[in-house]
PDB file of N, CA and C in Angstrom:
ATOM      1  N   MET A   1       0.845  -1.171   0.000  1.00  0.00           N
ATOM      2  CA  MET A   1       0.000   0.000   0.000  1.00  0.00           C
ATOM      3  C   MET A   1       0.889   1.231   0.000  1.00  0.00           C
ATOM      4  N   ASP A   2       0.521   2.196  -0.751  1.00  0.00           N
ATOM      5  CA  ASP A   2       1.309   3.419  -0.849  1.00  0.00           C
ATOM      6  C   ASP A   2       0.515   4.581  -0.270  1.00  0.00           C
ATOM      7  N   GLU A   3       0.912   5.043   0.901  1.00  0.00           N
ATOM      8  CA  GLU A   3       0.299   6.203   1.556  1.00  0.00           C
ATOM      9  C   GLU A   3      -1.212   6.038   1.726  1.00  0.00           C
ATOM     10  N   ALA A   4      -1.618   4.867   2.194  1.00  0.00           N
ATOM     11  CA  ALA A   4      -3.045   4.551   2.315  1.00  0.00           C
ATOM     12  C   ALA A   4      -3.782   5.451   3.297  1.00  0.00           C
ATOM     13  N   THR A   5      -3.079   6.036   4.250  1.00  0.00           N
ATOM     14  CA  THR A   5      -3.755   6.844   5.272  1.00  0.00           C
ATOM     15  C   THR A   5      -3.339   8.314   5.244  1.00  0.00           C
ATOM     16  N   SER A   6      -2.663   8.742   4.201  1.00  0.00           N
ATOM     17  CA  SER A   6      -2.087  10.095   4.201  1.00  0.00           C
ATOM     18  C   SER A   6      -3.118  11.215   4.303  1.00  0.00           C
ATOM     19  N   ALA A   7      -4.329  11.008   3.810  1.00  0.00           N
ATOM     20  CA  ALA A   7      -5.330  12.074   3.825  1.00  0.00           C
ATOM     21  C   ALA A   7      -6.339  11.935   4.963  1.00  0.00           C
ATOM     22  N   LEU A   8      -6.091  11.008   5.880  1.00  0.00           N
ATOM     23  CA  LEU A   8      -7.046  10.752   6.954  1.00  0.00           C
ATOM     24  C   LEU A   8      -6.702  11.527   8.225  1.00  0.00           C
ATOM     25  N   ASP A   9      -7.736  11.839   9.011  1.00  0.00           N
ATOM     26  CA  ASP A   9      -7.488  12.411  10.330  1.00  0.00           C
ATOM     27  C   ASP A   9      -6.987  11.289  11.246  1.00  0.00           C
ATOM     28  N   ASN A  10      -6.502  11.632  12.428  1.00  0.00           N
ATOM     29  CA  ASN A  10      -5.884  10.648  13.323  1.00  0.00           C
ATOM     30  C   ASN A  10      -6.832   9.524  13.716  1.00  0.00           C
ATOM     31  N   GLU A  11      -8.091   9.850  14.008  1.00  0.00           N
ATOM     32  CA  GLU A  11      -9.049   8.822  14.422  1.00  0.00           C
ATOM     33  C   GLU A  11      -9.340   7.844  13.283  1.00  0.00           C
ATOM     34  N   SER A  12      -9.550   8.365  12.083  1.00  0.00           N
ATOM     35  CA  SER A  12      -9.806   7.503  10.926  1.00  0.00           C
ATOM     36  C   SER A  12      -8.586   6.654  10.603  1.00  0.00           C
ATOM     37  N   GLU A  13      -7.390   7.261  10.711  1.00  0.00           N
ATOM     38  CA  GLU A  13      -6.161   6.511  10.466  1.00  0.00           C
ATOM     39  C   GLU A  13      -6.058   5.340  11.434  1.00  0.00           C
ATOM     40  N   HIS A  14      -6.387   5.579  12.690  1.00  0.00           N
ATOM     41  CA  HIS A  14      -6.319   4.526  13.703  1.00  0.00           C
ATOM     42  C   HIS A  14      -7.274   3.382  13.359  1.00  0.00           C
ATOM     43  N   LEU A  15      -8.491   3.702  12.949  1.00  0.00           N
ATOM     44  CA  LEU A  15      -9.474   2.677  12.578  1.00  0.00           C
ATOM     45  C   LEU A  15      -9.011   1.867  11.369  1.00  0.00           C
ATOM     46  N   VAL A  16      -8.468   2.544  10.369  1.00  0.00           N
ATOM     47  CA  VAL A  16      -7.959   1.854   9.182  1.00  0.00           C
ATOM     48  C   VAL A  16      -6.778   0.970   9.560  1.00  0.00           C
ATOM     49  N   SER A  17      -5.881   1.477  10.383  1.00  0.00           N
ATOM     50  CA  SER A  17      -4.710   0.699  10.809  1.00  0.00           C
ATOM     51  C   SER A  17      -5.117  -0.561  11.556  1.00  0.00           C
ATOM     52  N   GLN A  18      -6.108  -0.452  12.437  1.00  0.00           N
ATOM     53  CA  GLN A  18      -6.592  -1.632  13.161  1.00  0.00           C
ATOM     54  C   GLN A  18      -7.165  -2.666  12.198  1.00  0.00           C
ATOM     55  N   SER A  19      -7.932  -2.225  11.235  1.00  0.00           N
ATOM     56  CA  SER A  19      -8.518  -3.136  10.250  1.00  0.00           C
ATOM     57  C   SER A  19      -7.438  -3.801   9.413  1.00  0.00           C
ATOM     58  N   LEU A  20      -6.452  -3.021   8.991  1.00  0.00           N
ATOM     59  CA  LEU A  20      -5.370  -3.578   8.180  1.00  0.00           C
ATOM     60  C   LEU A  20      -4.547  -4.594   8.961  1.00  0.00           C
ATOM     61  N   GLU A  21      -4.318  -4.337  10.245  1.00  0.00           N
ATOM     62  CA  GLU A  21      -3.580  -5.294  11.072  1.00  0.00           C
ATOM     63  C   GLU A  21      -4.315  -6.623  11.146  1.00  0.00           C
ATOM     64  N   ARG A  22      -5.636  -6.580  11.290  1.00  0.00           N
ATOM     65  CA  ARG A  22      -6.426  -7.817  11.320  1.00  0.00           C
ATOM     66  C   ARG A  22      -6.345  -8.546   9.979  1.00  0.00           C
ATOM     67  N   LEU A  23      -6.476  -7.806   8.881  1.00  0.00           N
ATOM     68  CA  LEU A  23      -6.429  -8.415   7.555  1.00  0.00           C
ATOM     69  C   LEU A  23      -5.045  -8.959   7.216  1.00  0.00           C
ATOM     70  N   ALA A  24      -4.004  -8.330   7.737  1.00  0.00           N
ATOM     71  CA  ALA A  24      -2.634  -8.714   7.409  1.00  0.00           C
ATOM     72  C   ALA A  24      -2.105  -9.849   8.274  1.00  0.00           C
ATOM     73  N   ALA A  25      -2.831 -10.219   9.300  1.00  0.00           N
ATOM     74  CA  ALA A  25      -2.358 -11.276  10.212  1.00  0.00           C
ATOM     75  C   ALA A  25      -1.989 -12.529   9.423  1.00  0.00           C
ATOM     76  N   GLY A  26      -0.753 -12.987   9.619  1.00  0.00           N
ATOM     77  CA  GLY A  26      -0.276 -14.185   8.942  1.00  0.00           C
ATOM     78  C   GLY A  26       0.141 -13.960   7.500  1.00  0.00           C
ATOM     79  N   ARG A  27       0.191 -12.713   7.075  1.00  0.00           N
ATOM     80  CA  ARG A  27       0.553 -12.390   5.694  1.00  0.00           C
ATOM     81  C   ARG A  27       1.701 -11.384   5.680  1.00  0.00           C
ATOM     82  N   THR A  28       2.392 -11.350   4.578  1.00  0.00           N
ATOM     83  CA  THR A  28       3.410 -10.332   4.367  1.00  0.00           C
ATOM     84  C   THR A  28       2.751  -9.145   3.682  1.00  0.00           C
ATOM     85  N   THR A  29       2.952  -7.959   4.242  1.00  0.00           N
ATOM     86  CA  THR A  29       2.423  -6.743   3.618  1.00  0.00           C
ATOM     87  C   THR A  29       3.543  -5.725   3.485  1.00  0.00           C
ATOM     88  N   LEU A  30       3.446  -4.901   2.481  1.00  0.00           N
ATOM     89  CA  LEU A  30       4.407  -3.833   2.256  1.00  0.00           C
ATOM     90  C   LEU A  30       3.643  -2.520   2.308  1.00  0.00           C
ATOM     91  N   THR A  31       4.063  -1.645   3.203  1.00  0.00           N
ATOM     92  CA  THR A  31       3.408  -0.349   3.365  1.00  0.00           C
ATOM     93  C   THR A  31       4.433   0.745   3.143  1.00  0.00           C
ATOM     94  N   ILE A  32       4.100   1.694   2.300  1.00  0.00           N
ATOM     95  CA  ILE A  32       4.954   2.855   2.064  1.00  0.00           C
ATOM     96  C   ILE A  32       4.311   4.024   2.797  1.00  0.00           C
ATOM     97  N   ALA A  33       5.081   4.695   3.650  1.00  0.00           N
ATOM     98  CA  ALA A  33       4.469   5.735   4.476  1.00  0.00           C
ATOM     99  C   ALA A  33       5.428   6.880   4.743  1.00  0.00           C
ATOM    100  N   HIS A  34       4.874   8.067   4.769  1.00  0.00           N
ATOM    101  CA  HIS A  34       5.605   9.226   5.269  1.00  0.00           C
ATOM    102  C   HIS A  34       5.196   9.503   6.703  1.00  0.00           C
ATOM    103  N   ARG A  35       3.956   9.199   7.036  1.00  0.00           N
ATOM    104  CA  ARG A  35       3.452   9.364   8.401  1.00  0.00           C
ATOM    105  C   ARG A  35       3.930   8.160   9.212  1.00  0.00           C
ATOM    106  N   LEU A  36       4.876   8.372  10.103  1.00  0.00           N
ATOM    107  CA  LEU A  36       5.531   7.261  10.795  1.00  0.00           C
ATOM    108  C   LEU A  36       4.615   6.509  11.743  1.00  0.00           C
ATOM    109  N   THR A  37       3.539   7.129  12.195  1.00  0.00           N
ATOM    110  CA  THR A  37       2.599   6.397  13.044  1.00  0.00           C
ATOM    111  C   THR A  37       1.963   5.238  12.283  1.00  0.00           C
ATOM    112  N   THR A  38       1.923   5.344  10.962  1.00  0.00           N
ATOM    113  CA  THR A  38       1.352   4.291  10.125  1.00  0.00           C
ATOM    114  C   THR A  38       2.149   2.998  10.236  1.00  0.00           C
ATOM    115  N   ILE A  39       3.454   3.100  10.440  1.00  0.00           N
ATOM    116  CA  ILE A  39       4.318   1.912  10.426  1.00  0.00           C
ATOM    117  C   ILE A  39       4.914   1.577  11.788  1.00  0.00           C
ATOM    118  N   ARG A  40       4.540   2.303  12.799  1.00  0.00           N
ATOM    119  CA  ARG A  40       5.140   2.120  14.121  1.00  0.00           C
ATOM    120  C   ARG A  40       5.082   0.674  14.618  1.00  0.00           C
ATOM    121  N   ASN A  41       3.997  -0.042  14.357  1.00  0.00           N
ATOM    122  CA  ASN A  41       3.843  -1.413  14.846  1.00  0.00           C
ATOM    123  C   ASN A  41       4.333  -2.475  13.868  1.00  0.00           C
ATOM    124  N   ALA A  42       4.990  -2.070  12.807  1.00  0.00           N
ATOM    125  CA  ALA A  42       5.491  -3.030  11.819  1.00  0.00           C
ATOM    126  C   ALA A  42       6.576  -3.915  12.434  1.00  0.00           C
ATOM    127  N   ASP A  43       6.626  -5.166  11.979  1.00  0.00           N
ATOM    128  CA  ASP A  43       7.670  -6.080  12.438  1.00  0.00           C
ATOM    129  C   ASP A  43       9.046  -5.629  11.966  1.00  0.00           C
ATOM    130  N   ARG A  44       9.088  -5.054  10.774  1.00  0.00           N
ATOM    131  CA  ARG A  44      10.364  -4.629  10.197  1.00  0.00           C
ATOM    132  C   ARG A  44      10.129  -3.348   9.404  1.00  0.00           C
ATOM    133  N   ILE A  45      10.965  -2.360   9.663  1.00  0.00           N
ATOM    134  CA  ILE A  45      10.881  -1.069   8.986  1.00  0.00           C
ATOM    135  C   ILE A  45      12.172  -0.863   8.210  1.00  0.00           C
ATOM    136  N   LEU A  46      12.033  -0.498   6.944  1.00  0.00           N
ATOM    137  CA  LEU A  46      13.185  -0.166   6.114  1.00  0.00           C
ATOM    138  C   LEU A  46      13.150   1.332   5.848  1.00  0.00           C
ATOM    139  N   VAL A  47      14.246   2.013   6.127  1.00  0.00           N
ATOM    140  CA  VAL A  47      14.352   3.444   5.856  1.00  0.00           C
ATOM    141  C   VAL A  47      15.164   3.582   4.578  1.00  0.00           C
ATOM    142  N   LEU A  48      14.561   4.218   3.571  1.00  0.00           N
ATOM    143  CA  LEU A  48      15.195   4.335   2.265  1.00  0.00           C
ATOM    144  C   LEU A  48      15.682   5.748   2.011  1.00  0.00           C
ATOM    145  N   SER A  49      16.788   5.830   1.296  1.00  0.00           N
ATOM    146  CA  SER A  49      17.272   7.093   0.760  1.00  0.00           C
ATOM    147  C   SER A  49      17.644   6.809  -0.682  1.00  0.00           C
ATOM    148  N   GLY A  50      16.902   7.377  -1.599  1.00  0.00           N
ATOM    149  CA  GLY A  50      17.092   7.013  -3.001  1.00  0.00           C
ATOM    150  C   GLY A  50      16.726   5.553  -3.173  1.00  0.00           C
ATOM    151  N   SER A  51      17.627   4.770  -3.698  1.00  0.00           N
ATOM    152  CA  SER A  51      17.369   3.337  -3.876  1.00  0.00           C
ATOM    153  C   SER A  51      18.110   2.495  -2.841  1.00  0.00           C
ATOM    154  N   ASN A  52      18.600   3.122  -1.783  1.00  0.00           N
ATOM    155  CA  ASN A  52      19.383   2.415  -0.769  1.00  0.00           C
ATOM    156  C   ASN A  52      18.639   2.293   0.558  1.00  0.00           C
ATOM    157  N   ILE A  53      18.774   1.134   1.191  1.00  0.00           N
ATOM    158  CA  ILE A  53      18.277   0.945   2.551  1.00  0.00           C
ATOM    159  C   ILE A  53      19.353   1.490   3.482  1.00  0.00           C
ATOM    160  N   ILE A  54      19.014   2.523   4.253  1.00  0.00           N
ATOM    161  CA  ILE A  54      20.018   3.128   5.128  1.00  0.00           C
ATOM    162  C   ILE A  54      19.855   2.718   6.588  1.00  0.00           C
ATOM    163  N   GLU A  55      18.661   2.232   6.953  1.00  0.00           N
ATOM    164  CA  GLU A  55      18.422   1.697   8.298  1.00  0.00           C
ATOM    165  C   GLU A  55      17.331   0.646   8.200  1.00  0.00           C
ATOM    166  N   GLU A  56      17.387  -0.319   9.121  1.00  0.00           N
ATOM    167  CA  GLU A  56      16.290  -1.281   9.213  1.00  0.00           C
ATOM    168  C   GLU A  56      16.195  -1.832  10.619  1.00  0.00           C
ATOM    169  N   GLY A  57      14.989  -2.204  10.984  1.00  0.00           N
ATOM    170  CA  GLY A  57      14.713  -2.750  12.305  1.00  0.00           C
ATOM    171  C   GLY A  57      13.266  -2.480  12.651  1.00  0.00           C
ATOM    172  N   ASN A  58      12.872  -2.806  13.871  1.00  0.00           N
ATOM    173  CA  ASN A  58      11.521  -2.429  14.296  1.00  0.00           C
ATOM    174  C   ASN A  58      11.593  -1.028  14.908  1.00  0.00           C
ATOM    175  N   HIS A  59      10.463  -0.496  15.309  1.00  0.00           N
ATOM    176  CA  HIS A  59      10.413   0.878  15.822  1.00  0.00           C
ATOM    177  C   HIS A  59      11.373   1.084  16.996  1.00  0.00           C
ATOM    178  N   GLU A  60      11.318   0.183  17.968  1.00  0.00           N
ATOM    179  CA  GLU A  60      12.153   0.332  19.165  1.00  0.00           C
ATOM    180  C   GLU A  60      13.641   0.295  18.815  1.00  0.00           C
ATOM    181  N   GLU A  61      14.028  -0.628  17.929  1.00  0.00           N
ATOM    182  CA  GLU A  61      15.437  -0.730  17.529  1.00  0.00           C
ATOM    183  C   GLU A  61      15.898   0.544  16.830  1.00  0.00           C
ATOM    184  N   LEU A  62      15.069   1.065  15.951  1.00  0.00           N
ATOM    185  CA  LEU A  62      15.447   2.264  15.204  1.00  0.00           C
ATOM    186  C   LEU A  62      15.499   3.501  16.097  1.00  0.00           C
ATOM    187  N   ILE A  63      14.634   3.576  17.077  1.00  0.00           N
ATOM    188  CA  ILE A  63      14.683   4.695  18.029  1.00  0.00           C
ATOM    189  C   ILE A  63      15.977   4.624  18.840  1.00  0.00           C
ATOM    190  N   LYS A  64      16.351   3.424  19.283  1.00  0.00           N
ATOM    191  CA  LYS A  64      17.582   3.260  20.071  1.00  0.00           C
ATOM    192  C   LYS A  64      18.826   3.644  19.278  1.00  0.00           C
ATOM    193  N   LYS A  65      18.826   3.403  17.964  1.00  0.00           N
ATOM    194  CA  LYS A  65      19.978   3.745  17.117  1.00  0.00           C
ATOM    195  C   LYS A  65      20.186   5.254  17.008  1.00  0.00           C
ATOM    196  N   GLN A  66      19.104   6.003  17.196  1.00  0.00           N
ATOM    197  CA  GLN A  66      19.126   7.466  17.088  1.00  0.00           C
ATOM    198  C   GLN A  66      19.715   7.945  15.761  1.00  0.00           C
ATOM    199  N   GLY A  67      19.339   7.260  14.695  1.00  0.00           N
ATOM    200  CA  GLY A  67      19.755   7.642  13.345  1.00  0.00           C
ATOM    201  C   GLY A  67      18.683   8.474  12.659  1.00  0.00           C
ATOM    202  N   ILE A  68      18.573   8.300  11.347  1.00  0.00           N
ATOM    203  CA  ILE A  68      17.641   9.108  10.562  1.00  0.00           C
ATOM    204  C   ILE A  68      16.181   8.838  10.940  1.00  0.00           C
ATOM    205  N   TYR A  69      15.822   7.569  11.209  1.00  0.00           N
ATOM    206  CA  TYR A  69      14.444   7.259  11.622  1.00  0.00           C
ATOM    207  C   TYR A  69      14.110   8.008  12.912  1.00  0.00           C
ATOM    208  N   TYR A  70      15.011   7.964  13.861  1.00  0.00           N
ATOM    209  CA  TYR A  70      14.825   8.677  15.135  1.00  0.00           C
ATOM    210  C   TYR A  70      14.621  10.172  14.882  1.00  0.00           C
ATOM    211  N   GLN A  71      15.456  10.740  14.020  1.00  0.00           N
ATOM    212  CA  GLN A  71      15.351  12.169  13.714  1.00  0.00           C
ATOM    213  C   GLN A  71      14.006  12.497  13.072  1.00  0.00           C
ATOM    214  N   LEU A  72      13.585  11.663  12.132  1.00  0.00           N
ATOM    215  CA  LEU A  72      12.294  11.876  11.476  1.00  0.00           C
ATOM    216  C   LEU A  72      11.144  11.722  12.462  1.00  0.00           C
ATOM    217  N   TYR A  73      11.232  10.704  13.311  1.00  0.00           N
ATOM    218  CA  TYR A  73      10.163  10.426  14.269  1.00  0.00           C
ATOM    219  C   TYR A  73      10.030  11.557  15.285  1.00  0.00           C
ATOM    220  N   THR A  74      11.151  12.024  15.820  1.00  0.00           N
ATOM    221  CA  THR A  74      11.084  13.100  16.812  1.00  0.00           C
ATOM    222  C   THR A  74      10.667  14.417  16.161  1.00  0.00           C
ATOM    223  N   SER A  75      11.097  14.663  14.938  1.00  0.00           N
ATOM    224  CA  SER A  75      10.671  15.874  14.224  1.00  0.00           C
ATOM    225  C   SER A  75       9.177  15.851  13.967  1.00  0.00           C
ATOM    226  N   ALA A  76       8.652  14.708  13.571  1.00  0.00           N
ATOM    227  CA  ALA A  76       7.214  14.574  13.313  1.00  0.00           C
ATOM    228  C   ALA A  76       6.433  14.784  14.600  1.00  0.00           C
ATOM    229  N   GLY A  77       6.925  14.256  15.694  1.00  0.00           N
ATOM    230  CA  GLY A  77       6.253  14.422  16.982  1.00  0.00           C
ATOM    231  C   GLY A  77       6.227  15.864  17.420  1.00  0.00           C
ATOM    232  N   GLU A  78       7.333  16.556  17.209  1.00  0.00           N
ATOM    233  CA  GLU A  78       7.392  17.970  17.571  1.00  0.00           C
ATOM    234  C   GLU A  78       6.442  18.773  16.694  1.00  0.00           C
ATOM    235  N   ALA A  79       6.364  18.426  15.417  1.00  0.00           N
ATOM    236  CA  ALA A  79       5.489  19.152  14.494  1.00  0.00           C
ATOM    237  C   ALA A  79       4.028  18.956  14.868  1.00  0.00           C
ATOM    238  N   GLU A  80       3.653  17.738  15.297  1.00  0.00           N
ATOM    239  CA  GLU A  80       2.271  17.458  15.662  1.00  0.00           C
ATOM    240  C   GLU A  80       1.872  18.194  16.937  1.00  0.00           C
ATOM    241  N   GLN A  81       2.840  18.432  17.835  1.00  0.00           N
ATOM    242  CA  GLN A  81       2.541  19.107  19.092  1.00  0.00           C
ATOM    243  C   GLN A  81       2.356  20.607  18.902  1.00  0.00           C
ATOM    244  N   ASN A  82       2.993  21.177  17.872  1.00  0.00           N
ATOM    245  CA  ASN A  82       2.912  22.634  17.632  1.00  0.00           C
ATOM    246  C   ASN A  82       1.698  23.004  16.829  1.00  0.00           C
TER     247      ASN A  82
END
């Protein structure tokens, strides 16, 4: 899915995400997202720059690395609070 929730408000995004998690159970899914809350619960997150994978892991692992995913995640959080 490519940006399936980009135009949704937070409540609608949450409802869609819950439904997708149920439908995806036991299946491999690929989600492309700019809104990091969309992929926070993913088993594996790939951070791309151009055609290169520059980071990979789950949300907790990527936050601990404090790399580009961490920077994007904290920037997005700050933007949502303002």
